[in-house]
Amino acid sequence: MLTIALPKGRIAKETLNIFETIFEKKFEFGERKLILEDGNFRFLLVRNQDVPTYIHYQAADIGVVGLDVLKEKSYDLVKLLDMKIGKCKVAIGIKRDEELDFSSKPSFKVATKMVNITRDFFSKRAIPVEIIKLYGSIELAPLVGLADMIVDIVETGETMKQNGLKPALTIMQSSAHLIANKNSFYAKKDEILSLYEKISSVVKE
């Protein structure tokens, strides 16, 4: 049996659509159910941020997760395929009436959920920052003086706009990727590659 970790929400729906196309059947989680078993497949519905962890510890063989989450977690996993869904970017956001100028202060406070991506970005540019980890409502931080800027996911930019912010610089582009546990990849190579081929053909259409 192949265990597949899916992120909850929009990407899960789009991913299940791809599986439904491949197998020409409906895959539906019951209300509040987190496990769906069908034939040779077991689907797990987990939080987006937890998908790489399930795969790293081999609780799932393969999974679908955003490239941003993959980079943030930095586990040693097999990256199989860009599924071309769940597209977004990780960007620096600042107040709408400000301009991004890294020479304007000796150091900056940056609020974010994505501590590792943020630290990596600023350290590579030798820009001194204090990173403030938040778990939600990131957009509030610059408005109340908690931070000079934020690093967050941007899809349309509407959330920032509604909160008096604007995306000022893109750090990375992201989309959902099919990933695998290294041991699972060797132990179940034929099954995983067979699924990879099928998904790949649907994604490329």
N, C-alpha and C. Protein backbone atom coordinates (compact mmCIF):
# COMPACT_ATOMS: atom_id res chain seq x y z
N MET A 1 0.83 -1.20 0.00
CA MET A 1 0.00 0.00 0.00
C MET A 1 0.86 1.25 0.00
N LEU A 2 0.45 2.23 -0.78
CA LEU A 2 1.17 3.51 -0.87
C LEU A 2 0.42 4.56 -0.06
N THR A 3 1.11 5.16 0.91
CA THR A 3 0.48 6.18 1.75
C THR A 3 0.87 7.57 1.24
N ILE A 4 -0.15 8.38 0.98
CA ILE A 4 0.04 9.70 0.36
C ILE A 4 -0.47 10.79 1.28
N ALA A 5 0.41 11.73 1.66
CA ALA A 5 0.01 12.85 2.52
C ALA A 5 -0.43 14.03 1.66
N LEU A 6 -1.64 14.48 1.91
CA LEU A 6 -2.19 15.62 1.18
C LEU A 6 -2.36 16.81 2.12
N PRO A 7 -2.06 18.02 1.64
CA PRO A 7 -2.30 19.19 2.48
C PRO A 7 -3.78 19.53 2.48
N LYS A 8 -4.30 19.93 3.64
CA LYS A 8 -5.70 20.32 3.73
C LYS A 8 -5.95 21.56 2.87
N GLY A 9 -7.22 21.76 2.51
CA GLY A 9 -7.58 22.99 1.80
C GLY A 9 -7.50 22.88 0.30
N ARG A 10 -7.23 24.02 -0.33
CA ARG A 10 -7.35 24.16 -1.78
C ARG A 10 -6.47 23.16 -2.55
N ILE A 11 -5.22 22.99 -2.13
CA ILE A 11 -4.32 22.11 -2.87
C ILE A 11 -4.80 20.66 -2.78
N ALA A 12 -5.39 20.28 -1.63
CA ALA A 12 -5.90 18.91 -1.48
C ALA A 12 -6.97 18.64 -2.53
N LYS A 13 -7.85 19.60 -2.73
CA LYS A 13 -8.93 19.46 -3.71
C LYS A 13 -8.36 19.31 -5.12
N GLU A 14 -7.42 20.19 -5.45
CA GLU A 14 -6.81 20.15 -6.79
C GLU A 14 -6.02 18.85 -7.00
N THR A 15 -5.36 18.38 -5.92
CA THR A 15 -4.59 17.13 -6.02
C THR A 15 -5.52 15.94 -6.21
N LEU A 16 -6.60 15.90 -5.43
CA LEU A 16 -7.57 14.81 -5.57
C LEU A 16 -8.18 14.81 -6.98
N ASN A 17 -8.38 15.99 -7.54
CA ASN A 17 -8.88 16.08 -8.92
C ASN A 17 -7.93 15.38 -9.89
N ILE A 18 -6.63 15.55 -9.65
CA ILE A 18 -5.62 14.90 -10.51
C ILE A 18 -5.71 13.38 -10.35
N PHE A 19 -5.84 12.91 -9.10
CA PHE A 19 -5.97 11.47 -8.85
C PHE A 19 -7.25 10.91 -9.46
N GLU A 20 -8.32 11.70 -9.38
CA GLU A 20 -9.60 11.26 -9.96
C GLU A 20 -9.51 11.14 -11.47
N THR A 21 -8.75 12.04 -12.08
CA THR A 21 -8.53 11.98 -13.54
C THR A 21 -7.75 10.72 -13.90
N ILE A 22 -6.71 10.43 -13.12
CA ILE A 22 -5.86 9.26 -13.39
C ILE A 22 -6.65 7.95 -13.24
N PHE A 23 -7.40 7.85 -12.15
CA PHE A 23 -8.05 6.57 -11.83
C PHE A 23 -9.50 6.50 -12.29
N GLU A 24 -9.98 7.62 -12.86
CA GLU A 24 -11.35 7.69 -13.36
C GLU A 24 -12.36 7.25 -12.30
N LYS A 25 -12.15 7.75 -11.10
CA LYS A 25 -13.10 7.48 -10.01
C LYS A 25 -13.04 8.62 -9.01
N LYS A 26 -14.02 8.68 -8.13
CA LYS A 26 -14.13 9.77 -7.16
C LYS A 26 -13.41 9.41 -5.86
N PHE A 27 -12.59 10.33 -5.37
CA PHE A 27 -11.96 10.16 -4.06
C PHE A 27 -12.55 11.22 -3.14
N GLU A 28 -13.26 10.78 -2.09
CA GLU A 28 -13.87 11.76 -1.19
C GLU A 28 -13.64 11.38 0.26
N PHE A 29 -13.11 12.34 1.02
CA PHE A 29 -12.98 12.16 2.47
C PHE A 29 -14.36 12.39 3.08
N GLY A 30 -14.75 11.53 4.02
CA GLY A 30 -16.00 11.75 4.74
C GLY A 30 -15.86 12.97 5.63
N GLU A 31 -16.96 13.44 6.16
CA GLU A 31 -16.92 14.62 7.02
C GLU A 31 -16.01 14.38 8.22
N ARG A 32 -15.04 15.29 8.38
CA ARG A 32 -14.06 15.24 9.48
C ARG A 32 -13.10 14.04 9.42
N LYS A 33 -13.16 13.25 8.37
CA LYS A 33 -12.25 12.11 8.27
C LYS A 33 -10.89 12.57 7.75
N LEU A 34 -9.85 11.97 8.29
CA LEU A 34 -8.49 12.37 7.92
C LEU A 34 -7.76 11.27 7.15
N ILE A 35 -8.36 10.08 7.08
CA ILE A 35 -7.76 8.97 6.33
C ILE A 35 -8.78 8.43 5.33
N LEU A 36 -8.31 8.24 4.11
CA LEU A 36 -9.16 7.66 3.07
C LEU A 36 -8.40 6.50 2.44
N GLU A 37 -8.95 5.29 2.52
CA GLU A 37 -8.30 4.13 1.91
C GLU A 37 -9.09 3.69 0.70
N ASP A 38 -8.37 3.47 -0.40
CA ASP A 38 -9.03 3.06 -1.63
C ASP A 38 -8.07 2.18 -2.41
N GLY A 39 -8.40 0.88 -2.51
CA GLY A 39 -7.52 -0.04 -3.24
C GLY A 39 -6.13 -0.06 -2.62
N ASN A 40 -5.13 0.25 -3.44
CA ASN A 40 -3.74 0.20 -2.99
C ASN A 40 -3.24 1.53 -2.43
N PHE A 41 -4.19 2.45 -2.18
CA PHE A 41 -3.78 3.79 -1.72
C PHE A 41 -4.41 4.15 -0.38
N ARG A 42 -3.60 4.83 0.44
CA ARG A 42 -4.13 5.42 1.66
C ARG A 42 -3.78 6.91 1.61
N PHE A 43 -4.80 7.75 1.64
CA PHE A 43 -4.58 9.20 1.65
C PHE A 43 -4.71 9.73 3.07
N LEU A 44 -3.77 10.59 3.47
CA LEU A 44 -3.84 11.25 4.78
C LEU A 44 -4.04 12.73 4.55
N LEU A 45 -4.97 13.32 5.28
CA LEU A 45 -5.22 14.75 5.16
C LEU A 45 -4.54 15.44 6.33
N VAL A 46 -3.47 16.20 6.06
CA VAL A 46 -2.71 16.84 7.15
C VAL A 46 -2.49 18.32 6.85
N ARG A 47 -2.06 19.06 7.84
CA ARG A 47 -1.76 20.48 7.63
C ARG A 47 -0.61 20.62 6.64
N ASN A 48 -0.72 21.63 5.81
CA ASN A 48 0.29 21.89 4.78
C ASN A 48 1.71 21.84 5.35
N GLN A 49 1.92 22.53 6.49
CA GLN A 49 3.27 22.60 7.08
C GLN A 49 3.76 21.26 7.59
N ASP A 50 2.84 20.32 7.82
CA ASP A 50 3.21 19.02 8.40
C ASP A 50 3.52 17.94 7.35
N VAL A 51 3.18 18.20 6.09
CA VAL A 51 3.38 17.17 5.04
C VAL A 51 4.83 16.68 4.99
N PRO A 52 5.84 17.56 4.93
CA PRO A 52 7.22 17.07 4.86
C PRO A 52 7.62 16.26 6.10
N THR A 53 7.05 16.60 7.26
CA THR A 53 7.37 15.88 8.50
C THR A 53 6.84 14.44 8.43
N TYR A 54 5.60 14.28 7.96
CA TYR A 54 5.02 12.93 7.80
C TYR A 54 5.88 12.09 6.86
N ILE A 55 6.37 12.73 5.81
CA ILE A 55 7.17 12.00 4.82
C ILE A 55 8.58 11.73 5.33
N HIS A 56 9.16 12.70 6.01
CA HIS A 56 10.50 12.54 6.57
C HIS A 56 10.55 11.33 7.52
N TYR A 57 9.51 11.19 8.36
CA TYR A 57 9.47 10.09 9.33
C TYR A 57 8.78 8.84 8.77
N GLN A 58 8.51 8.85 7.48
CA GLN A 58 7.95 7.70 6.74
C GLN A 58 6.56 7.27 7.24
N ALA A 59 5.82 8.21 7.82
CA ALA A 59 4.41 7.95 8.14
C ALA A 59 3.62 7.99 6.84
N ALA A 60 4.20 8.65 5.84
CA ALA A 60 3.65 8.64 4.48
C ALA A 60 4.81 8.39 3.52
N ASP A 61 4.52 7.73 2.41
CA ASP A 61 5.57 7.44 1.42
C ASP A 61 5.83 8.64 0.51
N ILE A 62 4.73 9.22 0.05
CA ILE A 62 4.83 10.38 -0.84
C ILE A 62 3.81 11.42 -0.39
N GLY A 63 3.93 12.62 -0.95
CA GLY A 63 2.99 13.66 -0.56
C GLY A 63 3.04 14.83 -1.50
N VAL A 64 2.13 15.75 -1.28
CA VAL A 64 2.05 16.96 -2.09
C VAL A 64 2.18 18.15 -1.16
N VAL A 65 3.11 19.04 -1.47
CA VAL A 65 3.35 20.18 -0.59
C VAL A 65 3.92 21.36 -1.38
N GLY A 66 3.68 22.56 -0.89
CA GLY A 66 4.22 23.77 -1.52
C GLY A 66 5.73 23.81 -1.39
N LEU A 67 6.38 24.32 -2.43
CA LEU A 67 7.85 24.42 -2.44
C LEU A 67 8.34 25.30 -1.28
N ASP A 68 7.54 26.29 -0.91
CA ASP A 68 7.92 27.18 0.21
C ASP A 68 8.02 26.40 1.52
N VAL A 69 7.05 25.50 1.75
CA VAL A 69 7.06 24.68 2.98
C VAL A 69 8.25 23.72 2.95
N LEU A 70 8.52 23.17 1.78
CA LEU A 70 9.64 22.24 1.60
C LEU A 70 10.97 22.93 1.93
N LYS A 71 11.11 24.15 1.45
CA LYS A 71 12.35 24.90 1.70
C LYS A 71 12.46 25.30 3.17
N GLU A 72 11.34 25.66 3.76
CA GLU A 72 11.33 26.07 5.17
C GLU A 72 11.72 24.90 6.08
N LYS A 73 11.24 23.70 5.78
CA LYS A 73 11.50 22.53 6.63
C LYS A 73 12.90 21.95 6.39
N SER A 74 13.38 22.07 5.17
CA SER A 74 14.72 21.60 4.75
C SER A 74 15.05 20.14 5.14
N TYR A 75 14.07 19.25 5.05
CA TYR A 75 14.33 17.82 5.21
C TYR A 75 14.95 17.28 3.92
N ASP A 76 15.65 16.16 4.04
CA ASP A 76 16.27 15.54 2.86
C ASP A 76 15.27 14.57 2.21
N LEU A 77 14.46 15.09 1.30
CA LEU A 77 13.40 14.31 0.66
C LEU A 77 13.61 14.30 -0.86
N VAL A 78 12.96 13.35 -1.53
CA VAL A 78 13.07 13.27 -2.99
C VAL A 78 12.01 14.17 -3.61
N LYS A 79 12.47 15.13 -4.40
CA LYS A 79 11.54 16.03 -5.09
C LYS A 79 11.26 15.42 -6.47
N LEU A 80 10.01 14.99 -6.68
CA LEU A 80 9.69 14.25 -7.90
C LEU A 80 9.14 15.11 -9.04
N LEU A 81 8.25 16.05 -8.71
CA LEU A 81 7.51 16.71 -9.79
C LEU A 81 6.87 18.01 -9.34
N ASP A 82 6.99 19.04 -10.17
CA ASP A 82 6.24 20.27 -9.96
C ASP A 82 4.85 20.03 -10.53
N MET A 83 3.83 20.08 -9.68
CA MET A 83 2.47 19.75 -10.11
C MET A 83 1.72 20.94 -10.71
N LYS A 84 2.39 22.09 -10.73
CA LYS A 84 1.83 23.29 -11.40
C LYS A 84 0.49 23.76 -10.79
N ILE A 85 0.25 23.42 -9.53
CA ILE A 85 -0.95 23.91 -8.85
C ILE A 85 -0.53 24.64 -7.58
N GLY A 86 -1.48 25.36 -6.98
CA GLY A 86 -1.18 26.08 -5.74
C GLY A 86 -0.08 27.11 -5.91
N LYS A 87 -0.08 27.78 -7.06
CA LYS A 87 1.00 28.74 -7.33
C LYS A 87 0.86 29.99 -6.46
N CYS A 88 1.99 30.43 -5.92
CA CYS A 88 2.03 31.64 -5.11
C CYS A 88 3.49 32.09 -5.03
N LYS A 89 3.74 33.14 -4.29
CA LYS A 89 5.13 33.55 -4.09
C LYS A 89 5.35 33.94 -2.63
N VAL A 90 6.58 33.86 -2.20
CA VAL A 90 6.96 34.35 -0.89
C VAL A 90 7.55 35.74 -1.13
N ALA A 91 6.99 36.74 -0.45
CA ALA A 91 7.41 38.12 -0.73
C ALA A 91 7.58 38.93 0.56
N ILE A 92 8.38 39.97 0.43
CA ILE A 92 8.50 40.96 1.51
C ILE A 92 7.35 41.94 1.34
N GLY A 93 6.65 42.21 2.44
CA GLY A 93 5.56 43.20 2.42
C GLY A 93 5.90 44.38 3.32
N ILE A 94 5.60 45.57 2.83
CA ILE A 94 5.84 46.78 3.62
C ILE A 94 4.60 47.68 3.57
N LYS A 95 4.58 48.72 4.39
CA LYS A 95 3.45 49.65 4.39
C LYS A 95 3.32 50.28 3.01
N ARG A 96 2.07 50.51 2.61
CA ARG A 96 1.77 50.98 1.26
C ARG A 96 2.48 52.29 0.92
N ASP A 97 2.65 53.17 1.90
CA ASP A 97 3.25 54.49 1.62
C ASP A 97 4.76 54.51 1.79
N GLU A 98 5.37 53.33 1.98
CA GLU A 98 6.82 53.27 2.15
C GLU A 98 7.50 52.65 0.93
N GLU A 99 8.81 52.83 0.84
CA GLU A 99 9.61 52.18 -0.20
C GLU A 99 10.62 51.27 0.50
N LEU A 100 10.97 50.20 -0.17
CA LEU A 100 11.93 49.25 0.41
C LEU A 100 13.35 49.75 0.17
N ASP A 101 14.02 50.08 1.27
CA ASP A 101 15.38 50.60 1.16
C ASP A 101 16.22 49.99 2.29
N PHE A 102 17.04 49.01 1.93
CA PHE A 102 17.81 48.30 2.94
C PHE A 102 18.97 49.12 3.51
N SER A 103 19.20 50.29 2.94
CA SER A 103 20.29 51.15 3.46
C SER A 103 19.75 52.23 4.40
N SER A 104 18.43 52.21 4.62
CA SER A 104 17.81 53.30 5.41
C SER A 104 18.02 53.15 6.92
N LYS A 105 18.33 51.92 7.37
CA LYS A 105 18.54 51.68 8.81
C LYS A 105 19.68 50.68 8.99
N PRO A 106 20.30 50.68 10.17
CA PRO A 106 21.37 49.69 10.40
C PRO A 106 20.84 48.26 10.50
N SER A 107 19.59 48.10 10.97
CA SER A 107 19.00 46.75 11.01
C SER A 107 17.47 46.86 10.96
N PHE A 108 16.83 45.72 10.69
CA PHE A 108 15.37 45.71 10.50
C PHE A 108 14.73 44.60 11.31
N LYS A 109 13.47 44.84 11.69
CA LYS A 109 12.66 43.79 12.32
C LYS A 109 11.74 43.22 11.25
N VAL A 110 11.75 41.89 11.14
CA VAL A 110 10.94 41.23 10.12
C VAL A 110 10.03 40.20 10.79
N ALA A 111 8.72 40.34 10.58
CA ALA A 111 7.76 39.38 11.13
C ALA A 111 7.41 38.33 10.07
N THR A 112 7.38 37.07 10.46
CA THR A 112 7.10 36.02 9.49
C THR A 112 6.77 34.69 10.16
N LYS A 113 6.13 33.81 9.39
CA LYS A 113 5.96 32.40 9.81
C LYS A 113 7.16 31.60 9.31
N MET A 114 7.80 32.13 8.22
CA MET A 114 8.86 31.39 7.51
C MET A 114 10.24 31.86 7.94
N VAL A 115 10.62 31.42 9.12
CA VAL A 115 11.86 31.89 9.75
C VAL A 115 13.10 31.51 8.93
N ASN A 116 13.18 30.27 8.48
CA ASN A 116 14.39 29.80 7.78
C ASN A 116 14.56 30.46 6.41
N ILE A 117 13.47 30.55 5.65
CA ILE A 117 13.52 31.22 4.34
C ILE A 117 13.94 32.68 4.52
N THR A 118 13.38 33.32 5.53
CA THR A 118 13.67 34.74 5.80
C THR A 118 15.13 34.92 6.21
N ARG A 119 15.57 34.10 7.15
CA ARG A 119 16.97 34.20 7.63
C ARG A 119 17.95 33.98 6.48
N ASP A 120 17.66 32.97 5.66
CA ASP A 120 18.51 32.63 4.52
C ASP A 120 18.61 33.81 3.54
N PHE A 121 17.47 34.41 3.24
CA PHE A 121 17.42 35.53 2.29
C PHE A 121 18.27 36.70 2.77
N PHE A 122 18.07 37.11 4.03
CA PHE A 122 18.78 38.30 4.53
C PHE A 122 20.25 38.02 4.82
N SER A 123 20.57 36.81 5.29
CA SER A 123 21.98 36.53 5.60
C SER A 123 22.82 36.47 4.32
N LYS A 124 22.22 35.97 3.23
CA LYS A 124 22.96 35.93 1.95
C LYS A 124 23.28 37.33 1.45
N ARG A 125 22.47 38.29 1.87
CA ARG A 125 22.69 39.68 1.43
C ARG A 125 23.36 40.53 2.51
N ALA A 126 23.76 39.86 3.60
CA ALA A 126 24.44 40.52 4.73
C ALA A 126 23.64 41.72 5.25
N ILE A 127 22.32 41.54 5.34
CA ILE A 127 21.45 42.59 5.89
C ILE A 127 21.06 42.17 7.30
N PRO A 128 21.44 42.97 8.32
CA PRO A 128 21.12 42.58 9.71
C PRO A 128 19.61 42.68 9.99
N VAL A 129 19.05 41.60 10.48
CA VAL A 129 17.62 41.60 10.81
C VAL A 129 17.36 40.88 12.13
N GLU A 130 16.29 41.29 12.79
CA GLU A 130 15.76 40.54 13.92
C GLU A 130 14.47 39.90 13.41
N ILE A 131 14.40 38.58 13.47
CA ILE A 131 13.23 37.89 12.94
C ILE A 131 12.25 37.60 14.08
N ILE A 132 11.02 38.06 13.89
CA ILE A 132 9.97 37.84 14.88
C ILE A 132 9.01 36.80 14.34
N LYS A 133 8.96 35.64 14.99
CA LYS A 133 8.09 34.56 14.49
C LYS A 133 6.65 34.78 14.95
N LEU A 134 5.74 34.80 13.99
CA LEU A 134 4.31 34.88 14.27
C LEU A 134 3.63 33.67 13.63
N TYR A 135 2.45 33.33 14.14
CA TYR A 135 1.73 32.17 13.60
C TYR A 135 0.52 32.55 12.78
N GLY A 136 0.19 33.83 12.75
CA GLY A 136 -0.96 34.28 11.96
C GLY A 136 -1.08 35.79 12.04
N SER A 137 -2.00 36.35 11.25
CA SER A 137 -2.22 37.81 11.20
C SER A 137 -0.90 38.57 11.05
N ILE A 138 -0.04 38.06 10.18
CA ILE A 138 1.30 38.65 9.97
C ILE A 138 1.18 40.13 9.56
N GLU A 139 0.14 40.43 8.76
CA GLU A 139 -0.01 41.79 8.20
C GLU A 139 -0.12 42.87 9.27
N LEU A 140 -0.53 42.48 10.47
CA LEU A 140 -0.67 43.45 11.56
C LEU A 140 0.67 44.05 11.98
N ALA A 141 1.72 43.25 11.89
CA ALA A 141 3.01 43.61 12.50
C ALA A 141 3.53 45.00 12.12
N PRO A 142 3.59 45.35 10.80
CA PRO A 142 4.10 46.68 10.47
C PRO A 142 3.14 47.80 10.89
N LEU A 143 1.85 47.49 10.94
CA LEU A 143 0.83 48.51 11.24
C LEU A 143 0.89 48.97 12.69
N VAL A 144 1.32 48.08 13.59
CA VAL A 144 1.36 48.44 15.01
C VAL A 144 2.79 48.63 15.52
N GLY A 145 3.75 48.67 14.59
CA GLY A 145 5.13 48.95 14.97
C GLY A 145 5.90 47.76 15.52
N LEU A 146 5.33 46.55 15.37
CA LEU A 146 6.04 45.35 15.83
C LEU A 146 7.21 45.02 14.91
N ALA A 147 7.05 45.33 13.62
CA ALA A 147 8.10 45.01 12.64
C ALA A 147 8.16 46.08 11.55
N ASP A 148 9.31 46.15 10.88
CA ASP A 148 9.45 47.08 9.75
C ASP A 148 8.82 46.50 8.49
N MET A 149 8.83 45.18 8.40
CA MET A 149 8.33 44.50 7.19
C MET A 149 7.91 43.09 7.56
N ILE A 150 7.26 42.43 6.61
CA ILE A 150 6.87 41.03 6.82
C ILE A 150 7.40 40.19 5.65
N VAL A 151 7.51 38.90 5.88
CA VAL A 151 7.75 37.95 4.80
C VAL A 151 6.58 36.96 4.86
N ASP A 152 5.84 36.89 3.77
CA ASP A 152 4.63 36.07 3.79
C ASP A 152 4.30 35.55 2.40
N ILE A 153 3.34 34.61 2.36
CA ILE A 153 2.84 34.06 1.09
C ILE A 153 1.94 35.10 0.43
N VAL A 154 2.12 35.28 -0.86
CA VAL A 154 1.26 36.19 -1.62
C VAL A 154 0.69 35.43 -2.81
N GLU A 155 -0.64 35.43 -2.92
CA GLU A 155 -1.28 34.82 -4.10
C GLU A 155 -1.71 35.93 -5.05
N THR A 156 -2.59 36.80 -4.57
CA THR A 156 -3.06 37.91 -5.43
C THR A 156 -2.56 39.25 -4.90
N GLY A 157 -2.12 39.29 -3.65
CA GLY A 157 -1.70 40.55 -3.04
C GLY A 157 -2.87 41.27 -2.37
N GLU A 158 -4.06 40.68 -2.46
CA GLU A 158 -5.27 41.33 -1.95
C GLU A 158 -5.26 41.47 -0.43
N THR A 159 -4.79 40.43 0.27
CA THR A 159 -4.77 40.48 1.75
C THR A 159 -3.87 41.61 2.23
N MET A 160 -2.70 41.73 1.60
CA MET A 160 -1.80 42.83 1.97
C MET A 160 -2.46 44.18 1.68
N LYS A 161 -3.04 44.28 0.51
CA LYS A 161 -3.68 45.53 0.07
C LYS A 161 -4.77 45.97 1.06
N GLN A 162 -5.59 45.01 1.46
CA GLN A 162 -6.69 45.32 2.39
C GLN A 162 -6.18 45.76 3.75
N ASN A 163 -4.94 45.41 4.07
CA ASN A 163 -4.37 45.78 5.36
C ASN A 163 -3.32 46.89 5.27
N GLY A 164 -3.40 47.65 4.17
CA GLY A 164 -2.52 48.82 4.04
C GLY A 164 -1.07 48.50 3.74
N LEU A 165 -0.83 47.28 3.22
CA LEU A 165 0.53 46.89 2.86
C LEU A 165 0.63 46.66 1.36
N LYS A 166 1.86 46.43 0.89
CA LYS A 166 2.07 46.07 -0.52
C LYS A 166 3.25 45.12 -0.63
N PRO A 167 3.22 44.17 -1.58
CA PRO A 167 4.39 43.32 -1.81
C PRO A 167 5.50 44.19 -2.42
N ALA A 168 6.69 44.13 -1.83
CA ALA A 168 7.77 45.00 -2.29
C ALA A 168 8.88 44.24 -3.01
N LEU A 169 9.05 42.96 -2.69
CA LEU A 169 10.13 42.18 -3.30
C LEU A 169 9.81 40.69 -3.19
N THR A 170 9.91 39.97 -4.30
CA THR A 170 9.65 38.53 -4.29
C THR A 170 10.91 37.77 -3.88
N ILE A 171 10.79 36.92 -2.88
CA ILE A 171 11.90 36.09 -2.41
C ILE A 171 11.97 34.80 -3.22
N MET A 172 10.81 34.17 -3.43
CA MET A 172 10.78 32.93 -4.22
C MET A 172 9.38 32.67 -4.77
N GLN A 173 9.34 31.93 -5.88
CA GLN A 173 8.07 31.46 -6.44
C GLN A 173 7.80 30.07 -5.86
N SER A 174 6.53 29.76 -5.67
CA SER A 174 6.21 28.45 -5.11
C SER A 174 5.02 27.82 -5.84
N SER A 175 5.02 26.50 -5.86
CA SER A 175 3.87 25.74 -6.36
C SER A 175 3.93 24.37 -5.68
N ALA A 176 2.86 23.60 -5.81
CA ALA A 176 2.81 22.30 -5.14
C ALA A 176 3.72 21.29 -5.84
N HIS A 177 4.48 20.55 -5.05
CA HIS A 177 5.39 19.54 -5.58
C HIS A 177 5.04 18.15 -5.03
N LEU A 178 5.26 17.14 -5.85
CA LEU A 178 5.14 15.75 -5.41
C LEU A 178 6.50 15.35 -4.84
N ILE A 179 6.50 14.90 -3.59
CA ILE A 179 7.76 14.54 -2.94
C ILE A 179 7.66 13.12 -2.37
N ALA A 180 8.82 12.52 -2.07
CA ALA A 180 8.83 11.15 -1.55
C ALA A 180 9.87 10.99 -0.46
N ASN A 181 9.61 10.06 0.44
CA ASN A 181 10.60 9.64 1.43
C ASN A 181 11.67 8.82 0.71
N LYS A 182 12.94 9.03 1.05
CA LYS A 182 14.03 8.35 0.32
C LYS A 182 13.94 6.82 0.44
N ASN A 183 13.68 6.33 1.65
CA ASN A 183 13.59 4.87 1.84
C ASN A 183 12.39 4.30 1.08
N SER A 184 11.26 5.01 1.15
CA SER A 184 10.07 4.57 0.42
C SER A 184 10.34 4.53 -1.08
N PHE A 185 11.09 5.53 -1.54
CA PHE A 185 11.37 5.63 -2.97
C PHE A 185 12.12 4.39 -3.47
N TYR A 186 13.03 3.89 -2.65
CA TYR A 186 13.77 2.68 -3.05
C TYR A 186 12.94 1.42 -2.83
N ALA A 187 12.22 1.36 -1.72
CA ALA A 187 11.44 0.15 -1.39
C ALA A 187 10.21 -0.01 -2.29
N LYS A 188 9.62 1.11 -2.69
CA LYS A 188 8.39 1.06 -3.49
C LYS A 188 8.57 1.80 -4.82
N LYS A 189 9.76 1.67 -5.36
CA LYS A 189 10.13 2.46 -6.55
C LYS A 189 9.16 2.27 -7.72
N ASP A 190 8.81 1.03 -8.01
CA ASP A 190 7.92 0.77 -9.16
C ASP A 190 6.56 1.43 -8.98
N GLU A 191 5.99 1.30 -7.77
CA GLU A 191 4.68 1.90 -7.51
C GLU A 191 4.75 3.42 -7.61
N ILE A 192 5.79 3.98 -7.01
CA ILE A 192 5.92 5.45 -6.98
C ILE A 192 6.18 5.99 -8.39
N LEU A 193 7.06 5.34 -9.15
CA LEU A 193 7.35 5.82 -10.50
C LEU A 193 6.16 5.65 -11.43
N SER A 194 5.38 4.59 -11.21
CA SER A 194 4.17 4.39 -12.01
C SER A 194 3.18 5.54 -11.76
N LEU A 195 3.02 5.89 -10.49
CA LEU A 195 2.13 7.00 -10.12
C LEU A 195 2.68 8.32 -10.65
N TYR A 196 4.00 8.49 -10.51
CA TYR A 196 4.66 9.70 -11.02
C TYR A 196 4.38 9.89 -12.51
N GLU A 197 4.51 8.82 -13.29
CA GLU A 197 4.27 8.90 -14.75
C GLU A 197 2.84 9.35 -15.04
N LYS A 198 1.89 8.75 -14.30
CA LYS A 198 0.48 9.08 -14.52
C LYS A 198 0.18 10.54 -14.16
N ILE A 199 0.69 10.95 -13.00
CA ILE A 199 0.48 12.34 -12.57
C ILE A 199 1.14 13.30 -13.55
N SER A 200 2.36 12.95 -13.94
CA SER A 200 3.12 13.78 -14.88
C SER A 200 2.36 14.01 -16.19
N SER A 201 1.72 12.96 -16.69
CA SER A 201 0.99 13.08 -17.96
C SER A 201 -0.23 13.99 -17.81
N VAL A 202 -0.88 13.95 -16.64
CA VAL A 202 -2.04 14.82 -16.39
C VAL A 202 -1.60 16.28 -16.23
N VAL A 203 -0.50 16.47 -15.46
CA VAL A 203 0.01 17.81 -15.19
C VAL A 203 0.45 18.51 -16.47
N LYS A 204 1.02 17.75 -17.42
CA LYS A 204 1.56 18.35 -18.63
C LYS A 204 0.50 18.64 -19.68
N GLU A 205 -0.72 18.11 -19.48
CA GLU A 205 -1.76 18.30 -20.49
C GLU A 205 -2.15 19.76 -20.64
